[in-house]
Amino acid sequence: MYRNFQHRHHKSNKLSRSNTRIALLEFCEKKYFLNYYTFSLKKIDQKLRETGIINKKIKTLDMWIGEKTHFLISDYLNLLKNKEDTEENINKIKEGLAEEMRYDFDNSKNKNYDEPIFWERGGLCEHYYWEDIDDKLEETIQKVWDNLDKFIQSPWVGKIREYIDLKYPIYIENPKNPDFESMRVDTRWIPELKDVSIMASPDFWIKFSNNKYLILDWKTWKEPEMMLWIPEQLKVYALKTLLRKNRTPELWDVEIETHELYLPSTNTYWGKIQQEDLDDIVKLIIQDVNFQKTFLVDQDPYKNQPVSSTSFSRTQDEEKCKTCPFRKVCEELKTFE
């Protein structure tokens, strides 16, 4: 059965920092502007704003695969948690997601993108730009299924089942309905960041006895050829855990082990958090926030009003532009700059 769900919106208007947001800023400043400050296009041109809103809602097939993989693994982990992970139930959630994807695909293909209806869910980037991708739908669904199958076959499922049996407290992200309040990092205990909203939520989290934690996150994009250090995102998750427990970025007697799992390969990059990791990520977040502030009027994180769009430079990498969902509004914006 197709499930109609709605995200709870993040109502805070002050400047926010997340790994996704920083990665986008580094990828292309103009894309960052169009994604996070779409509302400001209204001052330039109302039609441009409408195009920007549409471009913000659409996603590429690769983005779609990542989103649906997170949905499916979350559903599966809840089956596991409730000891309902039978083959029949697993097939049900797979078929349910496939039905949902087929519905979304048809809706995206037949949507009139010239008349934005703001409450509607977005569509696929490829449909918006008139690409024929009919032959890719079942292949895309299969990729999502394969990601779940590989996850189930990985050693992690046996470990998670054991943790559940031992009744350790666990957290399973609900990506269909993100709770933005629970995603907040408590920055009150870091003076340089108290005016900034930092958002972070791992896919899976376990609290053991004796102040021990395990954080697990999965990715579907291209994995690094070699990982020599703990990824920044995992450090942020560890910082969030620590601030919630100790109200200080000092590790003390807490042990936090982090793992980043790539699908479908199931290659895992992991490490135990050290104090230097926490010190480094705090410094990096402060540095990132200060950089973000340079794009704000009066560098005021509370008002969070962007400076002129001309202050956000476009990437010079044409390959990045070829599949960018914002390429239409970005091109149209040039006539106003």
C-alpha atoms as a PDB file:
ATOM      1  CA  MET A   1       0.000   0.000   0.000  1.00  0.00           C
ATOM      2  CA  TYR A   2       1.341   3.406  -0.936  1.00  0.00           C
ATOM      3  CA  ARG A   3       1.968   5.510   2.185  1.00  0.00           C
ATOM      4  CA  ASN A   4       1.358   9.237   2.107  1.00  0.00           C
ATOM      5  CA  PHE A   5       3.634  10.863   4.646  1.00  0.00           C
ATOM      6  CA  GLN A   6       4.672  14.405   5.442  1.00  0.00           C
ATOM      7  CA  HIS A   7       7.885  15.696   6.945  1.00  0.00           C
ATOM      8  CA  ARG A   8       7.747  17.883  10.003  1.00  0.00           C
ATOM      9  CA  HIS A   9       9.323  21.146   8.986  1.00  0.00           C
ATOM     10  CA  HIS A  10      12.255  22.713  10.734  1.00  0.00           C
ATOM     11  CA  LYS A  11      10.837  26.060  11.915  1.00  0.00           C
ATOM     12  CA  SER A  12      13.987  27.711  13.212  1.00  0.00           C
ATOM     13  CA  ASN A  13      15.203  30.533  10.992  1.00  0.00           C
ATOM     14  CA  LYS A  14      18.648  30.982  12.500  1.00  0.00           C
ATOM     15  CA  LEU A  15      21.743  29.757  10.726  1.00  0.00           C
ATOM     16  CA  SER A  16      22.121  25.995  10.700  1.00  0.00           C
ATOM     17  CA  ARG A  17      25.220  23.883  10.215  1.00  0.00           C
ATOM     18  CA  SER A  18      25.236  20.260   9.079  1.00  0.00           C
ATOM     19  CA  ASN A  19      27.699  18.120   7.181  1.00  0.00           C
ATOM     20  CA  THR A  20      25.311  18.046   4.228  1.00  0.00           C
ATOM     21  CA  ARG A  21      25.052  21.825   4.222  1.00  0.00           C
ATOM     22  CA  ILE A  22      28.814  22.352   4.385  1.00  0.00           C
ATOM     23  CA  ALA A  23      29.429  19.769   1.674  1.00  0.00           C
ATOM     24  CA  LEU A  24      26.994  21.631  -0.572  1.00  0.00           C
ATOM     25  CA  LEU A  25      28.655  24.976   0.121  1.00  0.00           C
ATOM     26  CA  GLU A  26      32.027  23.505  -0.816  1.00  0.00           C
ATOM     27  CA  PHE A  27      30.522  21.793  -3.874  1.00  0.00           C
ATOM     28  CA  CYS A  28      29.065  25.003  -5.302  1.00  0.00           C
ATOM     29  CA  GLU A  29      28.254  28.262  -3.514  1.00  0.00           C
ATOM     30  CA  LYS A  30      25.452  29.085  -5.949  1.00  0.00           C
ATOM     31  CA  LYS A  31      23.801  25.714  -5.374  1.00  0.00           C
ATOM     32  CA  TYR A  32      24.059  26.320  -1.629  1.00  0.00           C
ATOM     33  CA  PHE A  33      22.326  29.677  -2.070  1.00  0.00           C
ATOM     34  CA  LEU A  34      19.557  28.234  -4.257  1.00  0.00           C
ATOM     35  CA  ASN A  35      18.926  25.345  -1.892  1.00  0.00           C
ATOM     36  CA  TYR A  36      18.994  27.084   1.485  1.00  0.00           C
ATOM     37  CA  TYR A  37      17.913  30.610   0.544  1.00  0.00           C
ATOM     38  CA  THR A  38      15.311  29.883  -2.105  1.00  0.00           C
ATOM     39  CA  PHE A  39      12.927  32.309  -0.398  1.00  0.00           C
ATOM     40  CA  SER A  40      15.220  35.222  -1.228  1.00  0.00           C
ATOM     41  CA  LEU A  41      14.550  34.726  -4.957  1.00  0.00           C
ATOM     42  CA  LYS A  42      11.164  36.344  -4.377  1.00  0.00           C
ATOM     43  CA  LYS A  43      12.910  39.714  -4.085  1.00  0.00           C
ATOM     44  CA  ILE A  44      14.428  39.172  -7.510  1.00  0.00           C
ATOM     45  CA  ASP A  45      11.510  37.655  -9.429  1.00  0.00           C
ATOM     46  CA  GLN A  46       8.435  35.669  -8.363  1.00  0.00           C
ATOM     47  CA  LYS A  47       8.575  33.271 -11.319  1.00  0.00           C
ATOM     48  CA  LEU A  48      12.251  32.660 -10.589  1.00  0.00           C
ATOM     49  CA  ARG A  49      11.326  31.820  -7.001  1.00  0.00           C
ATOM     50  CA  GLU A  50       8.746  29.281  -8.203  1.00  0.00           C
ATOM     51  CA  THR A  51      11.324  27.640 -10.438  1.00  0.00           C
ATOM     52  CA  GLY A  52      13.732  27.574  -7.515  1.00  0.00           C
ATOM     53  CA  ILE A  53      11.180  25.851  -5.281  1.00  0.00           C
ATOM     54  CA  ILE A  54      10.542  23.192  -7.926  1.00  0.00           C
ATOM     55  CA  ASN A  55      14.270  22.640  -8.451  1.00  0.00           C
ATOM     56  CA  LYS A  56      14.719  22.314  -4.689  1.00  0.00           C
ATOM     57  CA  LYS A  57      12.091  19.578  -4.450  1.00  0.00           C
ATOM     58  CA  ILE A  58      13.258  17.348  -7.280  1.00  0.00           C
ATOM     59  CA  LYS A  59      15.921  14.690  -6.784  1.00  0.00           C
ATOM     60  CA  THR A  60      18.131  12.633  -9.098  1.00  0.00           C
ATOM     61  CA  LEU A  61      17.786   8.862  -9.383  1.00  0.00           C
ATOM     62  CA  ASP A  62      20.932   8.409  -7.304  1.00  0.00           C
ATOM     63  CA  MET A  63      19.512  10.661  -4.590  1.00  0.00           C
ATOM     64  CA  TRP A  64      16.274   8.679  -4.760  1.00  0.00           C
ATOM     65  CA  ILE A  65      18.115   5.382  -4.301  1.00  0.00           C
ATOM     66  CA  GLY A  66      19.846   6.739  -1.209  1.00  0.00           C
ATOM     67  CA  GLU A  67      16.600   8.067   0.269  1.00  0.00           C
ATOM     68  CA  LYS A  68      14.636   4.865  -0.328  1.00  0.00           C
ATOM     69  CA  THR A  69      17.476   2.691   0.953  1.00  0.00           C
ATOM     70  CA  HIS A  70      17.358   4.568   4.258  1.00  0.00           C
ATOM     71  CA  PHE A  71      13.568   4.140   4.370  1.00  0.00           C
ATOM     72  CA  LEU A  72      13.806   0.403   3.744  1.00  0.00           C
ATOM     73  CA  ILE A  73      16.611  -0.312   6.204  1.00  0.00           C
ATOM     74  CA  SER A  74      14.786   1.670   8.878  1.00  0.00           C
ATOM     75  CA  ASP A  75      11.656  -0.436   8.276  1.00  0.00           C
ATOM     76  CA  TYR A  76      13.730  -3.597   8.445  1.00  0.00           C
ATOM     77  CA  LEU A  77      15.459  -2.621  11.694  1.00  0.00           C
ATOM     78  CA  ASN A  78      12.091  -1.973  13.289  1.00  0.00           C
ATOM     79  CA  LEU A  79      11.027  -5.468  12.233  1.00  0.00           C
ATOM     80  CA  LEU A  80      14.221  -6.750  13.814  1.00  0.00           C
ATOM     81  CA  LYS A  81      13.611  -4.763  16.989  1.00  0.00           C
ATOM     82  CA  ASN A  82      10.106  -6.204  17.303  1.00  0.00           C
ATOM     83  CA  LYS A  83      11.312  -9.732  16.425  1.00  0.00           C
ATOM     84  CA  GLU A  84       9.131  -9.731  13.327  1.00  0.00           C
ATOM     85  CA  ASP A  85      11.922 -10.072  10.748  1.00  0.00           C
ATOM     86  CA  THR A  86      10.435 -13.095   8.980  1.00  0.00           C
ATOM     87  CA  GLU A  87      11.040 -13.652   5.286  1.00  0.00           C
ATOM     88  CA  GLU A  88       7.369 -12.889   4.661  1.00  0.00           C
ATOM     89  CA  ASN A  89       7.525  -9.553   6.485  1.00  0.00           C
ATOM     90  CA  ILE A  90      10.778  -8.568   4.809  1.00  0.00           C
ATOM     91  CA  ASN A  91       9.235  -9.257   1.408  1.00  0.00           C
ATOM     92  CA  LYS A  92       6.213  -7.178   2.435  1.00  0.00           C
ATOM     93  CA  ILE A  93       8.272  -4.088   3.220  1.00  0.00           C
ATOM     94  CA  LYS A  94      10.265  -4.549   0.011  1.00  0.00           C
ATOM     95  CA  GLU A  95       7.132  -4.855  -2.111  1.00  0.00           C
ATOM     96  CA  GLY A  96       5.505  -1.983  -0.227  1.00  0.00           C
ATOM     97  CA  LEU A  97       8.442   0.271  -0.984  1.00  0.00           C
ATOM     98  CA  ALA A  98       8.484  -0.849  -4.625  1.00  0.00           C
ATOM     99  CA  GLU A  99       4.791   0.059  -4.945  1.00  0.00           C
ATOM    100  CA  GLU A 100       5.508   3.429  -3.388  1.00  0.00           C
ATOM    101  CA  MET A 101       8.392   4.037  -5.811  1.00  0.00           C
ATOM    102  CA  ARG A 102       6.278   3.091  -8.826  1.00  0.00           C
ATOM    103  CA  TYR A 103       3.586   5.497  -7.640  1.00  0.00           C
ATOM    104  CA  ASP A 104       6.108   8.274  -7.139  1.00  0.00           C
ATOM    105  CA  PHE A 105       7.687   7.553 -10.530  1.00  0.00           C
ATOM    106  CA  ASP A 106       4.362   7.803 -12.386  1.00  0.00           C
ATOM    107  CA  ASN A 107       3.419  10.919 -10.447  1.00  0.00           C
ATOM    108  CA  SER A 108       6.779  12.489 -11.284  1.00  0.00           C
ATOM    109  CA  LYS A 109       6.526  11.567 -14.960  1.00  0.00           C
ATOM    110  CA  ASN A 110       3.015  13.016 -15.349  1.00  0.00           C
ATOM    111  CA  LYS A 111       3.469  16.098 -13.192  1.00  0.00           C
ATOM    112  CA  ASN A 112       2.961  19.571 -14.625  1.00  0.00           C
ATOM    113  CA  TYR A 113       6.116  21.269 -13.372  1.00  0.00           C
ATOM    114  CA  ASP A 114       5.015  24.614 -14.812  1.00  0.00           C
ATOM    115  CA  GLU A 115       2.396  24.986 -12.093  1.00  0.00           C
ATOM    116  CA  PRO A 116       4.031  24.467  -8.699  1.00  0.00           C
ATOM    117  CA  ILE A 117       1.729  23.247  -5.945  1.00  0.00           C
ATOM    118  CA  PHE A 118       3.780  23.802  -2.845  1.00  0.00           C
ATOM    119  CA  TRP A 119       2.249  21.045  -0.732  1.00  0.00           C
ATOM    120  CA  GLU A 120       2.945  18.374  -3.342  1.00  0.00           C
ATOM    121  CA  ARG A 121       5.889  16.047  -3.027  1.00  0.00           C
ATOM    122  CA  GLY A 122       8.718  16.660  -5.454  1.00  0.00           C
ATOM    123  CA  GLY A 123       9.528  14.630  -8.524  1.00  0.00           C
ATOM    124  CA  LEU A 124      12.586  13.229 -10.233  1.00  0.00           C
ATOM    125  CA  CYS A 125      15.182  15.511 -11.719  1.00  0.00           C
ATOM    126  CA  GLU A 126      15.374  13.421 -14.883  1.00  0.00           C
ATOM    127  CA  HIS A 127      11.634  13.864 -15.528  1.00  0.00           C
ATOM    128  CA  TYR A 128      11.806  17.590 -14.920  1.00  0.00           C
ATOM    129  CA  TYR A 129      14.487  17.866 -17.618  1.00  0.00           C
ATOM    130  CA  TRP A 130      12.530  15.628 -20.043  1.00  0.00           C
ATOM    131  CA  GLU A 131      14.809  12.588 -19.921  1.00  0.00           C
ATOM    132  CA  ASP A 132      13.344   9.201 -20.856  1.00  0.00           C
ATOM    133  CA  ILE A 133      14.099   6.957 -17.883  1.00  0.00           C
ATOM    134  CA  ASP A 134      11.222   4.458 -18.126  1.00  0.00           C
ATOM    135  CA  ASP A 135      13.669   1.594 -18.502  1.00  0.00           C
ATOM    136  CA  LYS A 136      15.449   2.569 -15.261  1.00  0.00           C
ATOM    137  CA  LEU A 137      12.554   2.271 -12.810  1.00  0.00           C
ATOM    138  CA  GLU A 138      12.720  -1.462 -12.074  1.00  0.00           C
ATOM    139  CA  GLU A 139      16.513  -1.311 -12.114  1.00  0.00           C
ATOM    140  CA  THR A 140      16.388   1.474  -9.529  1.00  0.00           C
ATOM    141  CA  ILE A 141      13.981  -0.482  -7.303  1.00  0.00           C
ATOM    142  CA  GLN A 142      16.279  -3.504  -7.548  1.00  0.00           C
ATOM    143  CA  LYS A 143      19.257  -1.431  -6.435  1.00  0.00           C
ATOM    144  CA  VAL A 144      17.357  -0.395  -3.297  1.00  0.00           C
ATOM    145  CA  TRP A 145      16.386  -4.014  -2.634  1.00  0.00           C
ATOM    146  CA  ASP A 146      19.995  -5.112  -3.187  1.00  0.00           C
ATOM    147  CA  ASN A 147      21.188  -2.561  -0.633  1.00  0.00           C
ATOM    148  CA  LEU A 148      18.845  -4.058   1.966  1.00  0.00           C
ATOM    149  CA  ASP A 149      19.841  -7.622   1.033  1.00  0.00           C
ATOM    150  CA  LYS A 150      23.528  -6.767   1.396  1.00  0.00           C
ATOM    151  CA  PHE A 151      22.847  -5.086   4.722  1.00  0.00           C
ATOM    152  CA  ILE A 152      21.018  -8.178   5.988  1.00  0.00           C
ATOM    153  CA  GLN A 153      23.872 -10.403   4.830  1.00  0.00           C
ATOM    154  CA  SER A 154      26.470  -8.251   6.596  1.00  0.00           C
ATOM    155  CA  PRO A 155      27.767  -9.163  10.065  1.00  0.00           C
ATOM    156  CA  TRP A 156      25.925  -6.153  11.451  1.00  0.00           C
ATOM    157  CA  VAL A 157      22.513  -7.799  11.551  1.00  0.00           C
ATOM    158  CA  GLY A 158      23.713 -10.573  13.839  1.00  0.00           C
ATOM    159  CA  LYS A 159      25.332  -8.024  16.122  1.00  0.00           C
ATOM    160  CA  ILE A 160      22.255  -5.789  16.212  1.00  0.00           C
ATOM    161  CA  ARG A 161      20.020  -8.777  16.963  1.00  0.00           C
ATOM    162  CA  GLU A 162      22.319  -9.658  19.862  1.00  0.00           C
ATOM    163  CA  TYR A 163      22.212  -6.094  21.187  1.00  0.00           C
ATOM    164  CA  ILE A 164      18.416  -6.138  21.013  1.00  0.00           C
ATOM    165  CA  ASP A 165      18.253  -9.471  22.863  1.00  0.00           C
ATOM    166  CA  LEU A 166      20.472  -8.019  25.580  1.00  0.00           C
ATOM    167  CA  LYS A 167      17.984  -5.125  25.836  1.00  0.00           C
ATOM    168  CA  TYR A 168      20.512  -2.374  25.270  1.00  0.00           C
ATOM    169  CA  PRO A 169      18.901   1.004  24.509  1.00  0.00           C
ATOM    170  CA  ILE A 170      18.947   1.558  20.741  1.00  0.00           C
ATOM    171  CA  TYR A 171      17.972   4.357  18.385  1.00  0.00           C
ATOM    172  CA  ILE A 172      16.694   3.764  14.839  1.00  0.00           C
ATOM    173  CA  GLU A 173      16.315   6.849  12.693  1.00  0.00           C
ATOM    174  CA  ASN A 174      12.907   7.434  11.133  1.00  0.00           C
ATOM    175  CA  PRO A 175      13.892   9.120   7.847  1.00  0.00           C
ATOM    176  CA  LYS A 176      10.292   9.267   6.611  1.00  0.00           C
ATOM    177  CA  ASN A 177       9.362  11.662   9.414  1.00  0.00           C
ATOM    178  CA  PRO A 178      12.514  13.366  10.681  1.00  0.00           C
ATOM    179  CA  ASP A 179      12.250  14.869  14.132  1.00  0.00           C
ATOM    180  CA  PHE A 180      14.271  18.050  13.800  1.00  0.00           C
ATOM    181  CA  GLU A 181      14.169  18.788  17.497  1.00  0.00           C
ATOM    182  CA  SER A 182      15.835  15.496  18.335  1.00  0.00           C
ATOM    183  CA  MET A 183      18.374  16.139  15.575  1.00  0.00           C
ATOM    184  CA  ARG A 184      19.693  19.262  17.262  1.00  0.00           C
ATOM    185  CA  VAL A 185      23.133  19.226  18.824  1.00  0.00           C
ATOM    186  CA  ASP A 186      23.029  20.960  22.213  1.00  0.00           C
ATOM    187  CA  THR A 187      25.450  23.795  21.534  1.00  0.00           C
ATOM    188  CA  ARG A 188      24.763  25.677  24.771  1.00  0.00           C
ATOM    189  CA  TRP A 189      27.944  24.224  26.238  1.00  0.00           C
ATOM    190  CA  ILE A 190      30.170  25.562  23.436  1.00  0.00           C
ATOM    191  CA  PRO A 191      30.109  29.397  23.675  1.00  0.00           C
ATOM    192  CA  GLU A 192      31.291  29.983  20.099  1.00  0.00           C
ATOM    193  CA  LEU A 193      28.374  27.923  18.755  1.00  0.00           C
ATOM    194  CA  LYS A 194      25.504  28.805  21.052  1.00  0.00           C
ATOM    195  CA  ASP A 195      23.896  31.031  18.404  1.00  0.00           C
ATOM    196  CA  VAL A 196      23.951  28.353  15.710  1.00  0.00           C
ATOM    197  CA  SER A 197      21.652  25.422  15.071  1.00  0.00           C
ATOM    198  CA  ILE A 198      23.628  22.231  14.412  1.00  0.00           C
ATOM    199  CA  MET A 199      21.703  19.264  13.073  1.00  0.00           C
ATOM    200  CA  ALA A 200      22.881  15.659  13.208  1.00  0.00           C
ATOM    201  CA  SER A 201      21.223  12.253  13.435  1.00  0.00           C
ATOM    202  CA  PRO A 202      22.929   8.876  12.895  1.00  0.00           C
ATOM    203  CA  ASP A 203      21.098   5.995  11.259  1.00  0.00           C
ATOM    204  CA  PHE A 204      21.628   3.691  14.251  1.00  0.00           C
ATOM    205  CA  TRP A 205      22.871   4.164  17.801  1.00  0.00           C
ATOM    206  CA  ILE A 206      23.386   1.865  20.795  1.00  0.00           C
ATOM    207  CA  LYS A 207      24.147   2.647  24.411  1.00  0.00           C
ATOM    208  CA  PHE A 208      25.961  -0.051  26.319  1.00  0.00           C
ATOM    209  CA  SER A 209      26.667  -0.119  30.000  1.00  0.00           C
ATOM    210  CA  ASN A 210      29.766   1.565  31.448  1.00  0.00           C
ATOM    211  CA  ASN A 211      29.424   4.728  29.319  1.00  0.00           C
ATOM    212  CA  LYS A 212      30.022   2.927  26.047  1.00  0.00           C
ATOM    213  CA  TYR A 213      28.301   3.863  22.788  1.00  0.00           C
ATOM    214  CA  LEU A 214      28.267   2.564  19.222  1.00  0.00           C
ATOM    215  CA  ILE A 215      27.230   4.724  16.253  1.00  0.00           C
ATOM    216  CA  LEU A 216      26.471   3.201  12.856  1.00  0.00           C
ATOM    217  CA  ASP A 217      25.743   5.134   9.663  1.00  0.00           C
ATOM    218  CA  TRP A 218      25.268   3.835   6.120  1.00  0.00           C
ATOM    219  CA  LYS A 219      25.985   5.417   2.767  1.00  0.00           C
ATOM    220  CA  THR A 220      24.952   4.588  -0.805  1.00  0.00           C
ATOM    221  CA  TRP A 221      27.165   7.012  -2.692  1.00  0.00           C
ATOM    222  CA  LYS A 222      30.641   6.325  -4.059  1.00  0.00           C
ATOM    223  CA  GLU A 223      32.902   5.191  -1.275  1.00  0.00           C
ATOM    224  CA  PRO A 224      36.413   6.546  -0.745  1.00  0.00           C
ATOM    225  CA  GLU A 225      39.335   4.571  -2.090  1.00  0.00           C
ATOM    226  CA  MET A 226      40.941   4.721   1.321  1.00  0.00           C
ATOM    227  CA  MET A 227      39.804   6.097   4.661  1.00  0.00           C
ATOM    228  CA  LEU A 228      42.671   7.099   6.934  1.00  0.00           C
ATOM    229  CA  TRP A 229      40.626   8.907   9.560  1.00  0.00           C
ATOM    230  CA  ILE A 230      37.182   8.937  11.114  1.00  0.00           C
ATOM    231  CA  PRO A 231      34.731  10.780   8.813  1.00  0.00           C
ATOM    232  CA  GLU A 232      33.679  14.229   9.998  1.00  0.00           C
ATOM    233  CA  GLN A 233      30.023  13.256  10.154  1.00  0.00           C
ATOM    234  CA  LEU A 234      30.740  10.466  12.635  1.00  0.00           C
ATOM    235  CA  LYS A 235      32.696  12.889  14.800  1.00  0.00           C
ATOM    236  CA  VAL A 236      29.690  15.208  14.872  1.00  0.00           C
ATOM    237  CA  TYR A 237      27.464  12.318  15.978  1.00  0.00           C
ATOM    238  CA  ALA A 238      29.949  11.508  18.722  1.00  0.00           C
ATOM    239  CA  LEU A 239      30.037  15.161  19.804  1.00  0.00           C
ATOM    240  CA  LYS A 240      26.240  15.234  19.970  1.00  0.00           C
ATOM    241  CA  THR A 241      26.204  12.097  22.123  1.00  0.00           C
ATOM    242  CA  LEU A 242      28.793  13.517  24.467  1.00  0.00           C
ATOM    243  CA  LEU A 243      27.131  16.924  24.848  1.00  0.00           C
ATOM    244  CA  ARG A 244      23.845  15.254  25.645  1.00  0.00           C
ATOM    245  CA  LYS A 245      25.462  13.125  28.336  1.00  0.00           C
ATOM    246  CA  ASN A 246      28.220  15.261  29.863  1.00  0.00           C
ATOM    247  CA  ARG A 247      27.279  18.802  28.731  1.00  0.00           C
ATOM    248  CA  THR A 248      30.879  19.242  27.683  1.00  0.00           C
ATOM    249  CA  PRO A 249      32.957  18.204  24.663  1.00  0.00           C
ATOM    250  CA  GLU A 250      35.362  16.443  27.037  1.00  0.00           C
ATOM    251  CA  LEU A 251      35.469  12.665  26.553  1.00  0.00           C
ATOM    252  CA  TRP A 252      36.412  11.725  30.119  1.00  0.00           C
ATOM    253  CA  ASP A 253      35.362   8.111  30.786  1.00  0.00           C
ATOM    254  CA  VAL A 254      33.022   7.802  27.775  1.00  0.00           C
ATOM    255  CA  GLU A 255      33.885   5.375  24.960  1.00  0.00           C
ATOM    256  CA  ILE A 256      32.356   5.958  21.525  1.00  0.00           C
ATOM    257  CA  GLU A 257      32.948   3.615  18.610  1.00  0.00           C
ATOM    258  CA  THR A 258      31.834   4.790  15.161  1.00  0.00           C
ATOM    259  CA  HIS A 259      31.249   2.882  11.919  1.00  0.00           C
ATOM    260  CA  GLU A 260      30.415   4.043   8.395  1.00  0.00           C
ATOM    261  CA  LEU A 261      28.960   1.253   6.260  1.00  0.00           C
ATOM    262  CA  TYR A 262      28.869   1.553   2.470  1.00  0.00           C
ATOM    263  CA  LEU A 263      26.228  -0.236   0.424  1.00  0.00           C
ATOM    264  CA  PRO A 264      26.080  -2.422  -1.518  1.00  0.00           C
ATOM    265  CA  SER A 265      29.750  -3.307  -0.913  1.00  0.00           C
ATOM    266  CA  THR A 266      29.322  -3.467   2.920  1.00  0.00           C
ATOM    267  CA  ASN A 267      32.820  -2.051   3.313  1.00  0.00           C
ATOM    268  CA  THR A 268      33.070  -0.414   6.710  1.00  0.00           C
ATOM    269  CA  TYR A 269      35.278   2.428   7.914  1.00  0.00           C
ATOM    270  CA  TRP A 270      35.455   2.782  11.636  1.00  0.00           C
ATOM    271  CA  GLY A 271      37.329   4.120  14.606  1.00  0.00           C
ATOM    272  CA  LYS A 272      37.152   4.835  18.310  1.00  0.00           C
ATOM    273  CA  ILE A 273      36.663   8.488  19.110  1.00  0.00           C
ATOM    274  CA  GLN A 274      39.609  10.184  20.802  1.00  0.00           C
ATOM    275  CA  GLN A 275      39.642  13.564  22.499  1.00  0.00           C
ATOM    276  CA  GLU A 276      41.611  15.008  19.593  1.00  0.00           C
ATOM    277  CA  ASP A 277      38.760  13.970  17.263  1.00  0.00           C
ATOM    278  CA  LEU A 278      36.318  15.984  19.345  1.00  0.00           C
ATOM    279  CA  ASP A 279      38.668  18.960  19.593  1.00  0.00           C
ATOM    280  CA  ASP A 280      39.191  18.867  15.828  1.00  0.00           C
ATOM    281  CA  ILE A 281      35.492  18.693  14.978  1.00  0.00           C
ATOM    282  CA  VAL A 282      34.614  21.569  17.316  1.00  0.00           C
ATOM    283  CA  LYS A 283      37.311  23.702  15.664  1.00  0.00           C
ATOM    284  CA  LEU A 284      36.088  22.664  12.217  1.00  0.00           C
ATOM    285  CA  ILE A 285      32.458  23.471  13.017  1.00  0.00           C
ATOM    286  CA  ILE A 286      33.457  26.916  14.306  1.00  0.00           C
ATOM    287  CA  GLN A 287      35.491  27.454  11.136  1.00  0.00           C
ATOM    288  CA  ASP A 288      32.572  26.294   8.946  1.00  0.00           C
ATOM    289  CA  VAL A 289      30.093  28.535  10.751  1.00  0.00           C
ATOM    290  CA  ASN A 290      32.368  31.552  10.416  1.00  0.00           C
ATOM    291  CA  PHE A 291      32.611  30.841   6.690  1.00  0.00           C
ATOM    292  CA  GLN A 292      28.832  30.514   6.410  1.00  0.00           C
ATOM    293  CA  LYS A 293      28.405  33.843   8.194  1.00  0.00           C
ATOM    294  CA  THR A 294      30.366  35.625   5.465  1.00  0.00           C
ATOM    295  CA  PHE A 295      27.379  35.014   3.198  1.00  0.00           C
ATOM    296  CA  LEU A 296      24.928  36.660   5.610  1.00  0.00           C
ATOM    297  CA  VAL A 297      23.890  40.291   5.964  1.00  0.00           C
ATOM    298  CA  ASP A 298      25.877  41.703   8.900  1.00  0.00           C
ATOM    299  CA  GLN A 299      27.110  38.151   9.429  1.00  0.00           C
ATOM    300  CA  ASP A 300      24.090  37.729  11.718  1.00  0.00           C
ATOM    301  CA  PRO A 301      23.214  34.045  12.301  1.00  0.00           C
ATOM    302  CA  TYR A 302      19.908  34.912  13.999  1.00  0.00           C
ATOM    303  CA  LYS A 303      18.447  36.836  11.081  1.00  0.00           C
ATOM    304  CA  ASN A 304      20.113  34.433   8.645  1.00  0.00           C
ATOM    305  CA  GLN A 305      19.521  36.721   5.664  1.00  0.00           C
ATOM    306  CA  PRO A 306      21.765  36.053   2.667  1.00  0.00           C
ATOM    307  CA  VAL A 307      23.752  38.748   0.942  1.00  0.00           C
ATOM    308  CA  SER A 308      23.217  39.316  -2.778  1.00  0.00           C
ATOM    309  CA  SER A 309      23.098  36.204  -4.937  1.00  0.00           C
ATOM    310  CA  THR A 310      26.071  37.589  -6.863  1.00  0.00           C
ATOM    311  CA  SER A 311      28.245  36.953  -3.794  1.00  0.00           C
ATOM    312  CA  PHE A 312      27.742  33.206  -4.218  1.00  0.00           C
ATOM    313  CA  SER A 313      30.079  31.974  -6.925  1.00  0.00           C
ATOM    314  CA  ARG A 314      29.240  29.215  -9.413  1.00  0.00           C
ATOM    315  CA  THR A 315      31.369  26.132  -9.724  1.00  0.00           C
ATOM    316  CA  GLN A 316      33.670  26.070 -12.739  1.00  0.00           C
ATOM    317  CA  ASP A 317      33.303  22.300 -13.010  1.00  0.00           C
ATOM    318  CA  GLU A 318      30.847  21.743 -15.859  1.00  0.00           C
ATOM    319  CA  GLU A 319      30.485  18.068 -14.936  1.00  0.00           C
ATOM    320  CA  LYS A 320      28.877  19.103 -11.647  1.00  0.00           C
ATOM    321  CA  CYS A 321      26.313  21.157 -13.530  1.00  0.00           C
ATOM    322  CA  LYS A 322      25.198  18.408 -15.909  1.00  0.00           C
ATOM    323  CA  THR A 323      23.142  16.559 -13.297  1.00  0.00           C
ATOM    324  CA  CYS A 324      22.464  19.393 -10.848  1.00  0.00           C
ATOM    325  CA  PRO A 325      18.725  19.728 -10.054  1.00  0.00           C
ATOM    326  CA  PHE A 326      19.184  23.522  -9.829  1.00  0.00           C
ATOM    327  CA  ARG A 327      20.618  23.989 -13.305  1.00  0.00           C
ATOM    328  CA  LYS A 328      17.453  25.611 -14.709  1.00  0.00           C
ATOM    329  CA  VAL A 329      16.974  28.223 -11.993  1.00  0.00           C
ATOM    330  CA  CYS A 330      20.717  28.788 -11.908  1.00  0.00           C
ATOM    331  CA  GLU A 331      20.748  29.544 -15.620  1.00  0.00           C
ATOM    332  CA  GLU A 332      17.704  31.821 -15.353  1.00  0.00           C
ATOM    333  CA  LEU A 333      19.253  33.679 -12.432  1.00  0.00           C
ATOM    334  CA  LYS A 334      22.135  34.766 -14.650  1.00  0.00           C
ATOM    335  CA  THR A 335      19.821  37.193 -16.476  1.00  0.00           C
ATOM    336  CA  PHE A 336      19.196  39.044 -13.202  1.00  0.00           C
ATOM    337  CA  GLU A 337      22.796  39.187 -12.019  1.00  0.00           C
END
